Amino acid sequence: MQATMFGRKPKRKPTAGNLALQSKRLNAKSGGQTNRSGKPKSGNSIGQKLDLTVADEGLLQSLRSSVSATPEDQRKGVNRAARLLLALGPEQAAHILQQMEPAEIERVMTEMSRIDHITAQEKKEILAEFEEQARDFEAPVRGGIDEARRFLEAGLGQQAAHDILGRLSRQDLYRDFAFLEKLDAHVLASALHQEHTQIAAVALSFLKPRIAAQVMRHLPEEFRAEVALRIARTARIHPEAVQRVARVLREKFEKRAAEIYSEVGGAETLANILNYMDRQEEDDILGMLGSSEPDIFEDVKERLYTFEELTGLDSKEMRLLIARVDDDSLLATALRGAQEDVRRHFFNSMSQNRAADILEEMDHRGPLTVREINDARTFVLNIARRLDEEGTILIKKEKEEYI
């Protein structure tokens, strides 16, 4: 079965035989008819429809051509299909649209709405691909959102056109704000705090809810409350106003790109550096941090070791650690979602009865949040660090060499 770009099989695969038969039928329909000049009408004149079987297959071939290695080639394929529909006009394009799935229509209509117009020459070249005798196409064809609406209404009706274009418009607006999602939540909150609360409300409304929540946490309390109120009250806003907000914010962030996008240092960076230093040097630096910057000290300390690094403990050290963690429910939480080798290392270092109890706890507990799992693992790591500081166990870092 030959698949199109969207996994659909054309209703009829064109062959030399059936294309010839279709051509004969077209000629038969127009045969004997004359135009005002008394000359026989051509089956391919601008006043008549193209062979819809040929055009339909041409569109599907255009869509199929977008299946390629790179996103750029995929976009070109959909662009080619959108231009073909524009060249065919609403009436003939409606025949093709009725045979397409909503997802297919959205992709092609999105591309059509971005095309300002196609010239008469482009129209001739497009149609020449699908019917060799196409000629005398003089009028340019307009594109854009209004043309996309006209095509959809002709093929699917007014309500379906309204629904599809509404989704397309909102998708475009989300894309306008996508650049904000790449910024650090604290930096974005600081920047939005300098804007009017309505600007901040619009921007947050077009971010993913998870990211918007992270940004909201960093906003000052009164400003955050006002922004939340404006988000709740703003049910509708004109797309052009939303686009202006996105454009203004993008321009401001581009001007301060060096300040925003350059992340240097931080607790994570220091922890990575310490992982390449010997234990005495690490202790000296941590001791200095502990006396001068206790908050930073705790942050760096938490990042020095990961839960997976506990697999470096030998069986005796693991038994000592597990004995200190006397909460089976907490261990079950910490091991939820852990790699298989980590879980095996824990279970092999405890009694079969305790391992069975923890496994049963893991099986019967409901869904856990990432925060719950991380909190449990941090608790276990804190105990491991205390044992390491006491000299009871030795947490081996990957970058260190041991003899």
Protein backbone atom coordinates (compact mmCIF):
# COMPACT_ATOMS: atom_id res chain seq x y z
CA MET A 1 0.00 0.00 0.00
CA GLN A 2 1.43 3.36 -0.98
CA ALA A 3 1.07 5.95 1.77
CA THR A 4 0.82 9.70 1.42
CA MET A 5 2.50 12.20 3.73
CA PHE A 6 -0.41 11.79 6.15
CA GLY A 7 -0.64 8.01 5.92
CA ARG A 8 -3.67 8.02 3.57
CA LYS A 9 -3.95 6.05 0.41
CA PRO A 10 -5.25 7.89 -2.68
CA LYS A 11 -8.65 6.63 -3.73
CA ARG A 12 -7.26 5.55 -7.08
CA LYS A 13 -3.67 5.13 -8.11
CA PRO A 14 -3.18 6.85 -11.49
CA THR A 15 -1.74 4.80 -14.31
CA ALA A 16 -1.08 5.64 -17.92
CA GLY A 17 -4.28 3.76 -18.83
CA ASN A 18 -6.72 5.40 -16.44
CA LEU A 19 -5.21 8.87 -16.97
CA ALA A 20 -5.74 8.45 -20.70
CA LEU A 21 -9.30 7.29 -20.08
CA GLN A 22 -9.90 10.27 -17.83
CA SER A 23 -8.55 12.57 -20.54
CA LYS A 24 -10.92 11.04 -23.08
CA ARG A 25 -13.86 11.58 -20.74
CA LEU A 26 -12.89 15.21 -20.29
CA ASN A 27 -12.61 15.71 -24.01
CA ALA A 28 -15.94 13.95 -24.53
CA LYS A 29 -17.63 16.31 -22.10
CA SER A 30 -16.31 19.32 -23.97
CA GLY A 31 -16.48 17.83 -27.45
CA GLY A 32 -18.82 19.54 -29.91
CA GLN A 33 -19.20 22.61 -27.71
CA THR A 34 -18.07 25.96 -29.04
CA ASN A 35 -17.11 29.22 -27.46
CA ARG A 36 -18.31 32.66 -28.59
CA SER A 37 -15.77 32.72 -31.37
CA GLY A 38 -17.19 29.50 -32.78
CA LYS A 39 -14.06 27.52 -31.98
CA PRO A 40 -14.32 24.23 -30.10
CA LYS A 41 -13.80 24.61 -26.39
CA SER A 42 -10.62 23.09 -25.04
CA GLY A 43 -10.98 20.69 -22.13
CA ASN A 44 -8.17 22.64 -20.46
CA SER A 45 -9.36 26.21 -21.00
CA ILE A 46 -9.34 28.57 -18.03
CA GLY A 47 -13.13 28.56 -17.98
CA GLN A 48 -13.37 24.84 -17.26
CA LYS A 49 -12.41 22.63 -14.36
CA LEU A 50 -9.23 20.65 -14.38
CA ASP A 51 -9.46 16.88 -14.29
CA LEU A 52 -10.11 16.46 -10.56
CA THR A 53 -8.67 12.94 -10.50
CA VAL A 54 -5.41 14.28 -11.87
CA ALA A 55 -5.48 17.35 -9.61
CA ASP A 56 -6.36 15.30 -6.56
CA GLU A 57 -3.50 12.91 -7.22
CA GLY A 58 -1.24 15.88 -7.93
CA LEU A 59 -2.00 17.33 -4.53
CA LEU A 60 -1.38 14.02 -2.81
CA GLN A 61 1.90 13.68 -4.69
CA SER A 62 2.80 17.18 -3.51
CA LEU A 63 2.03 16.21 0.07
CA ARG A 64 3.95 12.97 -0.35
CA SER A 65 6.99 14.90 -1.53
CA SER A 66 7.16 16.61 1.87
CA VAL A 67 8.13 13.32 3.52
CA SER A 68 11.89 13.84 3.61
CA ALA A 69 14.87 14.01 5.90
CA THR A 70 14.71 17.64 6.96
CA PRO A 71 11.98 19.91 8.41
CA GLU A 72 12.79 22.47 5.72
CA ASP A 73 11.93 19.99 2.95
CA GLN A 74 8.74 19.04 4.78
CA ARG A 75 7.68 22.69 4.89
CA LYS A 76 8.41 23.08 1.18
CA GLY A 77 6.15 20.13 0.39
CA VAL A 78 3.20 21.57 2.31
CA ASN A 79 3.86 24.99 0.74
CA ARG A 80 3.66 23.39 -2.71
CA ALA A 81 0.31 21.79 -1.82
CA ALA A 82 -1.07 25.11 -0.51
CA ARG A 83 -0.07 26.90 -3.72
CA LEU A 84 -1.75 24.21 -5.82
CA LEU A 85 -5.03 24.72 -3.94
CA LEU A 86 -4.78 28.48 -4.46
CA ALA A 87 -4.19 27.96 -8.17
CA LEU A 88 -7.16 25.59 -8.47
CA GLY A 89 -9.55 28.05 -6.82
CA PRO A 90 -12.17 27.45 -4.09
CA GLU A 91 -14.63 25.35 -6.11
CA GLN A 92 -12.15 22.75 -7.29
CA ALA A 93 -10.11 22.89 -4.09
CA ALA A 94 -13.28 22.10 -2.12
CA HIS A 95 -13.44 18.70 -3.84
CA ILE A 96 -9.96 17.91 -2.53
CA LEU A 97 -10.51 19.39 0.94
CA GLN A 98 -13.54 17.15 1.44
CA GLN A 99 -11.30 14.10 1.06
CA MET A 100 -8.69 15.28 3.58
CA GLU A 101 -8.47 14.77 7.33
CA PRO A 102 -8.73 17.79 9.67
CA ALA A 103 -5.05 17.52 10.61
CA GLU A 104 -4.10 17.58 6.92
CA ILE A 105 -6.33 20.56 6.26
CA GLU A 106 -4.83 22.50 9.17
CA ARG A 107 -1.27 22.03 7.92
CA VAL A 108 -2.11 23.12 4.38
CA MET A 109 -4.38 25.98 5.47
CA THR A 110 -1.75 27.25 7.90
CA GLU A 111 0.70 27.45 5.03
CA MET A 112 -1.91 29.02 2.71
CA SER A 113 -2.63 31.77 5.23
CA ARG A 114 1.06 32.72 5.13
CA ILE A 115 1.11 33.13 1.34
CA ASP A 116 0.43 36.74 0.39
CA HIS A 117 -0.34 35.95 -3.25
CA ILE A 118 0.82 33.95 -6.24
CA THR A 119 1.47 35.67 -9.53
CA ALA A 120 -0.10 34.74 -12.83
CA GLN A 121 3.21 33.20 -13.92
CA GLU A 122 3.43 31.13 -10.74
CA LYS A 123 -0.14 29.98 -11.27
CA LYS A 124 0.68 28.84 -14.79
CA GLU A 125 3.77 26.98 -13.62
CA ILE A 126 1.90 25.26 -10.79
CA LEU A 127 -0.94 24.07 -12.98
CA ALA A 128 1.46 23.06 -15.74
CA GLU A 129 2.77 20.38 -13.40
CA PHE A 130 -0.64 18.75 -13.30
CA GLU A 131 -1.93 19.38 -16.79
CA GLU A 132 0.53 19.89 -19.61
CA GLN A 133 -1.80 21.94 -21.80
CA ALA A 134 -2.67 24.58 -19.14
CA ARG A 135 -2.30 28.08 -20.63
CA ASP A 136 -3.58 31.65 -20.68
CA PHE A 137 -3.92 32.04 -16.89
CA GLU A 138 -3.66 35.82 -16.52
CA ALA A 139 -5.20 36.79 -13.19
CA PRO A 140 -3.00 36.71 -10.06
CA VAL A 141 -4.33 34.73 -7.11
CA ARG A 142 -4.37 36.13 -3.58
CA GLY A 143 -3.44 34.15 -0.47
CA GLY A 144 -3.67 35.05 3.20
CA ILE A 145 -6.05 34.29 6.03
CA ASP A 146 -9.12 35.62 4.17
CA GLU A 147 -8.49 33.31 1.23
CA ALA A 148 -7.93 30.40 3.60
CA ARG A 149 -11.31 31.17 5.18
CA ARG A 150 -13.01 31.31 1.75
CA PHE A 151 -11.54 27.95 0.75
CA LEU A 152 -12.56 26.32 4.01
CA GLU A 153 -16.10 27.69 3.88
CA ALA A 154 -16.49 26.42 0.32
CA GLY A 155 -15.25 22.95 1.20
CA LEU A 156 -16.37 22.40 4.80
CA GLY A 157 -18.93 25.04 5.71
CA GLN A 158 -18.82 28.22 7.77
CA GLN A 159 -18.74 26.65 11.25
CA ALA A 160 -15.93 24.21 10.42
CA ALA A 161 -13.97 27.04 8.81
CA HIS A 162 -14.43 29.16 11.93
CA ASP A 163 -13.26 26.33 14.22
CA ILE A 164 -10.18 25.47 12.15
CA LEU A 165 -9.07 29.08 11.69
CA GLY A 166 -9.61 29.73 15.39
CA ARG A 167 -7.23 26.89 16.23
CA LEU A 168 -4.71 28.07 13.63
CA SER A 169 -4.80 31.63 14.97
CA ARG A 170 -4.18 30.50 18.54
CA GLN A 171 -1.36 28.17 17.41
CA ASP A 172 0.33 31.11 15.68
CA LEU A 173 -0.04 33.24 18.81
CA TYR A 174 1.52 30.54 20.98
CA ARG A 175 4.45 30.41 18.55
CA ASP A 176 4.87 34.19 18.89
CA PHE A 177 5.56 33.76 22.61
CA ALA A 178 7.61 30.54 22.37
CA PHE A 179 10.89 32.46 22.71
CA LEU A 180 9.94 33.41 26.29
CA GLU A 181 9.85 29.74 27.33
CA LYS A 182 13.60 29.46 26.69
CA LEU A 183 14.37 32.06 29.35
CA ASP A 184 15.13 31.41 32.99
CA ALA A 185 11.92 31.79 35.02
CA HIS A 186 13.52 34.27 37.44
CA VAL A 187 14.86 36.43 34.59
CA LEU A 188 11.49 36.43 32.81
CA ALA A 189 9.64 37.32 36.01
CA SER A 190 12.03 40.20 36.64
CA ALA A 191 11.47 41.51 33.11
CA LEU A 192 7.66 41.18 33.23
CA HIS A 193 7.62 43.02 36.56
CA GLN A 194 8.86 46.08 34.66
CA GLU A 195 5.83 45.89 32.33
CA HIS A 196 2.18 46.78 32.86
CA THR A 197 0.24 44.00 34.58
CA GLN A 198 -1.92 43.54 31.46
CA ILE A 199 1.20 42.93 29.34
CA ALA A 200 2.43 40.37 31.87
CA ALA A 201 -1.00 38.72 31.95
CA VAL A 202 -1.11 38.35 28.16
CA ALA A 203 2.42 36.94 28.01
CA LEU A 204 1.77 34.38 30.76
CA SER A 205 -1.50 33.32 29.13
CA PHE A 206 0.40 32.15 26.05
CA LEU A 207 3.07 30.17 27.90
CA LYS A 208 2.76 26.52 28.86
CA PRO A 209 0.94 26.39 32.23
CA ARG A 210 3.91 24.70 33.92
CA ILE A 211 6.31 27.44 32.77
CA ALA A 212 3.83 30.22 33.58
CA ALA A 213 3.53 28.82 37.12
CA GLN A 214 7.31 28.92 37.57
CA VAL A 215 7.39 32.56 36.45
CA MET A 216 4.44 33.50 38.69
CA ARG A 217 6.30 32.17 41.75
CA HIS A 218 9.06 34.73 41.17
CA LEU A 219 6.73 37.75 40.80
CA PRO A 220 6.26 40.11 43.76
CA GLU A 221 3.12 39.23 45.73
CA GLU A 222 0.99 42.29 44.90
CA PHE A 223 2.02 42.29 41.24
CA ARG A 224 1.32 38.55 41.01
CA ALA A 225 -2.16 38.98 42.47
CA GLU A 226 -3.00 41.73 39.96
CA VAL A 227 -1.67 39.66 37.05
CA ALA A 228 -3.70 36.63 38.16
CA LEU A 229 -6.84 38.79 38.33
CA ARG A 230 -6.25 40.14 34.82
CA ILE A 231 -5.68 36.65 33.43
CA ALA A 232 -8.98 35.51 34.95
CA ARG A 233 -10.89 38.54 33.64
CA THR A 234 -9.48 38.54 30.10
CA ALA A 235 -11.67 36.13 28.14
CA ARG A 236 -11.06 37.62 24.68
CA ILE A 237 -8.39 39.81 23.16
CA HIS A 238 -7.80 40.78 19.54
CA PRO A 239 -5.04 38.68 17.89
CA GLU A 240 -3.31 41.80 16.55
CA ALA A 241 -3.03 43.20 20.09
CA VAL A 242 -1.52 39.90 21.25
CA GLN A 243 0.97 39.96 18.37
CA ARG A 244 1.97 43.53 19.29
CA VAL A 245 2.66 42.42 22.87
CA ALA A 246 4.83 39.54 21.61
CA ARG A 247 6.68 41.84 19.20
CA VAL A 248 7.40 44.47 21.87
CA LEU A 249 8.65 41.87 24.34
CA ARG A 250 10.83 40.19 21.71
CA GLU A 251 12.45 43.53 20.79
CA LYS A 252 13.18 44.29 24.45
CA PHE A 253 14.69 40.89 25.10
CA GLU A 254 16.79 40.98 21.95
CA LYS A 255 18.33 44.28 23.10
CA ARG A 256 19.43 42.70 26.35
CA ALA A 257 20.20 39.26 24.90
CA ALA A 258 23.72 39.12 26.28
CA GLU A 259 22.45 39.81 29.80
CA ILE A 260 19.60 37.32 29.57
CA TYR A 261 21.04 34.39 27.72
CA SER A 262 24.49 34.24 29.34
CA GLU A 263 24.44 31.98 32.38
CA VAL A 264 27.77 31.89 34.19
CA GLY A 265 28.55 30.06 37.40
CA GLY A 266 25.98 28.99 39.94
CA ALA A 267 25.76 26.13 42.45
CA GLU A 268 25.55 23.51 39.68
CA THR A 269 28.75 24.79 38.05
CA LEU A 270 30.67 24.85 41.35
CA ALA A 271 29.48 21.33 42.21
CA ASN A 272 30.73 20.06 38.84
CA ILE A 273 34.13 21.71 39.44
CA LEU A 274 34.42 20.21 42.93
CA ASN A 275 33.74 16.76 41.47
CA TYR A 276 37.12 17.05 39.70
CA MET A 277 39.01 18.12 42.84
CA ASP A 278 40.38 15.87 45.56
CA ARG A 279 38.53 15.42 48.83
CA GLN A 280 40.72 17.78 50.90
CA GLU A 281 40.38 20.63 48.39
CA GLU A 282 36.64 20.05 48.25
CA ASP A 283 36.36 20.13 52.05
CA ASP A 284 38.37 23.37 52.24
CA ILE A 285 36.09 25.16 49.77
CA LEU A 286 32.91 23.80 51.34
CA GLY A 287 34.17 24.83 54.78
CA MET A 288 34.71 28.39 53.56
CA LEU A 289 31.23 28.46 52.00
CA GLY A 290 29.65 27.02 55.13
CA SER A 291 30.97 29.86 57.29
CA SER A 292 30.37 32.73 54.87
CA GLU A 293 27.42 31.67 52.66
CA PRO A 294 25.42 28.92 54.40
CA ASP A 295 22.57 28.98 51.84
CA ILE A 296 24.96 28.57 48.91
CA PHE A 297 26.84 25.91 50.90
CA GLU A 298 23.68 23.81 51.27
CA ASP A 299 22.78 24.27 47.59
CA VAL A 300 26.22 23.17 46.39
CA LYS A 301 26.34 20.29 48.87
CA GLU A 302 23.03 18.92 47.58
CA ARG A 303 24.35 18.94 44.01
CA LEU A 304 27.67 17.25 44.77
CA TYR A 305 26.25 13.74 44.79
CA THR A 306 23.43 12.14 42.87
CA PHE A 307 21.19 9.26 43.88
CA GLU A 308 22.77 7.09 41.16
CA GLU A 309 26.24 7.56 42.69
CA LEU A 310 25.16 5.44 45.67
CA THR A 311 25.80 2.41 43.46
CA GLY A 312 29.50 3.13 44.14
CA LEU A 313 29.05 1.97 47.74
CA ASP A 314 30.03 -1.61 48.46
CA SER A 315 27.57 -4.05 50.03
CA LYS A 316 28.75 -3.35 53.60
CA GLU A 317 28.42 0.42 53.12
CA MET A 318 24.98 -0.01 51.57
CA ARG A 319 23.81 -2.08 54.55
CA LEU A 320 25.00 0.66 56.91
CA LEU A 321 23.14 3.29 54.89
CA ILE A 322 19.92 1.28 54.64
CA ALA A 323 20.04 0.56 58.38
CA ARG A 324 20.04 4.33 59.02
CA VAL A 325 17.04 4.79 56.71
CA ASP A 326 14.51 2.88 58.78
CA ASP A 327 11.46 4.13 56.85
CA ASP A 328 10.36 1.59 54.21
CA SER A 329 7.77 3.99 52.78
CA LEU A 330 10.47 6.62 52.25
CA LEU A 331 12.75 4.10 50.52
CA ALA A 332 9.86 2.98 48.30
CA THR A 333 9.32 6.61 47.29
CA ALA A 334 13.03 7.23 46.64
CA LEU A 335 13.30 4.11 44.46
CA ARG A 336 10.21 4.95 42.37
CA GLY A 337 11.40 5.56 38.81
CA ALA A 338 15.05 4.81 39.68
CA GLN A 339 17.24 3.00 37.17
CA GLU A 340 17.20 -0.78 37.38
CA ASP A 341 20.83 -1.04 38.53
CA VAL A 342 20.15 1.41 41.38
CA ARG A 343 17.10 -0.53 42.58
CA ARG A 344 18.98 -3.83 42.35
CA HIS A 345 21.88 -2.37 44.36
CA PHE A 346 19.50 -1.39 47.16
CA PHE A 347 17.52 -4.64 47.21
CA ASN A 348 20.65 -6.82 47.16
CA SER A 349 21.88 -5.02 50.28
CA MET A 350 18.84 -5.74 52.46
CA SER A 351 16.97 -8.78 53.72
CA GLN A 352 14.55 -10.52 51.38
CA ASN A 353 11.65 -9.71 53.69
CA ARG A 354 12.42 -5.99 53.72
CA ALA A 355 12.95 -5.96 49.94
CA ALA A 356 9.58 -7.69 49.48
CA ASP A 357 7.87 -5.15 51.76
CA ILE A 358 9.36 -2.21 49.84
CA LEU A 359 8.43 -3.73 46.46
CA GLU A 360 4.87 -4.24 47.69
CA GLU A 361 4.77 -0.63 48.89
CA MET A 362 5.99 0.55 45.47
CA ASP A 363 3.35 -1.53 43.66
CA HIS A 364 0.42 -0.39 45.77
CA ARG A 365 1.21 3.31 46.11
CA GLY A 366 -0.57 5.65 43.75
CA PRO A 367 1.07 8.24 41.48
CA LEU A 368 3.83 10.35 43.03
CA THR A 369 4.95 13.83 42.10
CA VAL A 370 8.52 14.48 41.00
CA ARG A 371 8.94 16.68 44.07
CA GLU A 372 7.93 13.83 46.43
CA ILE A 373 10.45 11.48 44.80
CA ASN A 374 13.24 14.08 44.86
CA ASP A 375 12.55 14.94 48.50
CA ALA A 376 12.85 11.26 49.47
CA ARG A 377 16.09 10.86 47.52
CA THR A 378 17.52 14.03 49.10
CA PHE A 379 16.75 12.60 52.54
CA VAL A 380 18.64 9.38 51.72
CA LEU A 381 21.55 11.36 50.24
CA ASN A 382 21.77 13.57 53.33
CA ILE A 383 22.16 10.47 55.50
CA ALA A 384 24.79 9.12 53.08
CA ARG A 385 26.71 12.42 53.26
CA ARG A 386 26.67 12.38 57.07
CA LEU A 387 28.03 8.82 57.05
CA ASP A 388 30.65 9.94 54.52
CA GLU A 389 31.68 12.85 56.75
CA GLU A 390 31.93 10.48 59.72
CA GLY A 391 34.21 8.22 57.70
CA THR A 392 31.76 5.32 58.03
CA ILE A 393 31.29 5.05 54.27
CA LEU A 394 33.08 6.56 51.26
CA ILE A 395 30.99 7.99 48.44
CA LYS A 396 33.17 7.52 45.39
CA LYS A 397 33.01 10.22 42.74
CA GLU A 398 33.33 9.10 39.11
CA LYS A 399 36.15 11.55 38.39
CA GLU A 400 38.36 10.34 41.24
CA GLU A 401 40.79 7.44 41.03
CA TYR A 402 41.03 4.89 43.82
CA ILE A 403 43.71 2.31 44.60
